[in-house]
Amino acid sequence: MRARALVATACGALLFVGVGDPAPAQSLVLEQRIELASVQGRIDHMALDADGQRLFIAALASDSLEVVDLRAGRRVDRITSLHEPQGVLYLESLKRLIVANGAGGGVQAFTDGKPPVTVSQASLDDADNLRLDPLNGDVYVGAGKALVALEPNTLRILLRINLAGHPESFQIEPSGGKIYVNVPGARHIAVVDRKRGKVDATWPLEGAARNFPMALDETSHQLFVVTRSPALFIAFDTDAGKEVARIPVCSDADELFHDESRHQLYVVCGEGQIDVVRGGSGRYAVAEHVSTAPGARTGLFVPGLSTLFVAVPARGGSTAEIRAYRIR
C-alpha cells in the first residue's frame, strides 16, 4: 500500500497525500519567454495593444520603452532617450501610447509616425502610474504629491488633486465615482471623489507600511492592497471603509491583479514568486506559490488572453526577459 502523509492546505484544512503522487497542478503555467537584450536594471510597468498584439514595457533603468510583438514572440521596436519611464498606457481608441517619466521627461504621448506630445517635468514631477477613466476617457497620472487628470489628445492638465504624499498604485471605479489611491508616505489609502476632485476620506494602514500595489473588485465592494513592511495582503470593505482581512504574502511586491472570472488575485513579488490568493467575504488564503526569478516584481494581467506577463530583470549574467504565464 502506498504510504500517505498528512499535509496542511493554504486554507488550514488537512489532506492525506500519497507519497510519490504528483504535486497538484498549478493554475499558472510558464508558456513563453521573450528576451530583452541590452535592457539593464529595473523594469517597471507594462501596457497592451490588444488589436496589434503588442506589449509595451517601461525599461526604467535603460531609459527606454520596449515593444514586443506577441505573435512573433520577440522585441520589434524600442523608444529611447526617455527619462526613467515608469508608467505606460495604450489608448486603443486613439492608437496612442502614453509614457510617464520619473525624472526630467514628464508625460509623453507617441503615435505612429508623429512626434511626441509632452507635458513638462515642471508640471508633472516624478510621473508614475497611469490609468484611463472608463467613464469619460480622461487619463490619470500619479505625480509629485497629486493625482492629475489629463486630456488624452493634448495631455492638457484638467485637474490636480492634492494628496499627503506621492501616489503609487491607484484604482478607478469603472461605474462608481471613487478613485482609491495608495499613499505609502502617509501610510494610508486616499479615497477620492473624482466628480468633486477632492479627497473624501483616508483609510489608515495599522501596523503596516509601504503600500505599493492595489487592486479593486467593485462588484464585491472589496479593495485590496499589499504592503512590504511587513509583507501583507490586506482587504478593505469599500462600503464601510474598514479593513476586513489580512494575511502574509511574498515579499517585495509591486503588482497586484484581480482575476474576476476565476475569483482570485495574483501578487507579483521581487523575492521571485507569484502568490495566488483566493477567497472572499473577508476570508482569504494563499492557495499557490509560483516561482519566477529574483527581482521579477512587475507585470501585467490580461484577462482576454488568460495570461499574466512578468518582467524579469537582467541579473548575474542573465538576459532580461518577459515571461508569459498561461492561467488555467
Foldseek 3Di string as FASTA:
>chain_A
DFDWDWDAFQQGDIDIDGVVDDDDDDQWAFDAKEFDPPQADAWAAWEAQVVQQWIWTQSQVQQKIWIARVVVRYTDDMGHPHARWAEWYADNVVRKIWTAHQPFFGIWIDHPPDDIQGDTCVVFHGWHYWDAQLPPGWIWIFGFQWIWTADVPRRDTDATEGHPGTWADKDDDNPDQWIWTDHQVVQWIFIARNVVSYTPDIQHDPQFGQWHEKEDDVVQQKIWIFGANPTKIWIARNVVSGTQEIDHDDHQAHYKYAQVVVQWMWTAHQCFWIFIWHDDPSDIGGRDIDGGDHGFHYWDQDNVQQWIWIWDHDDDNRTTIIIIIHGD
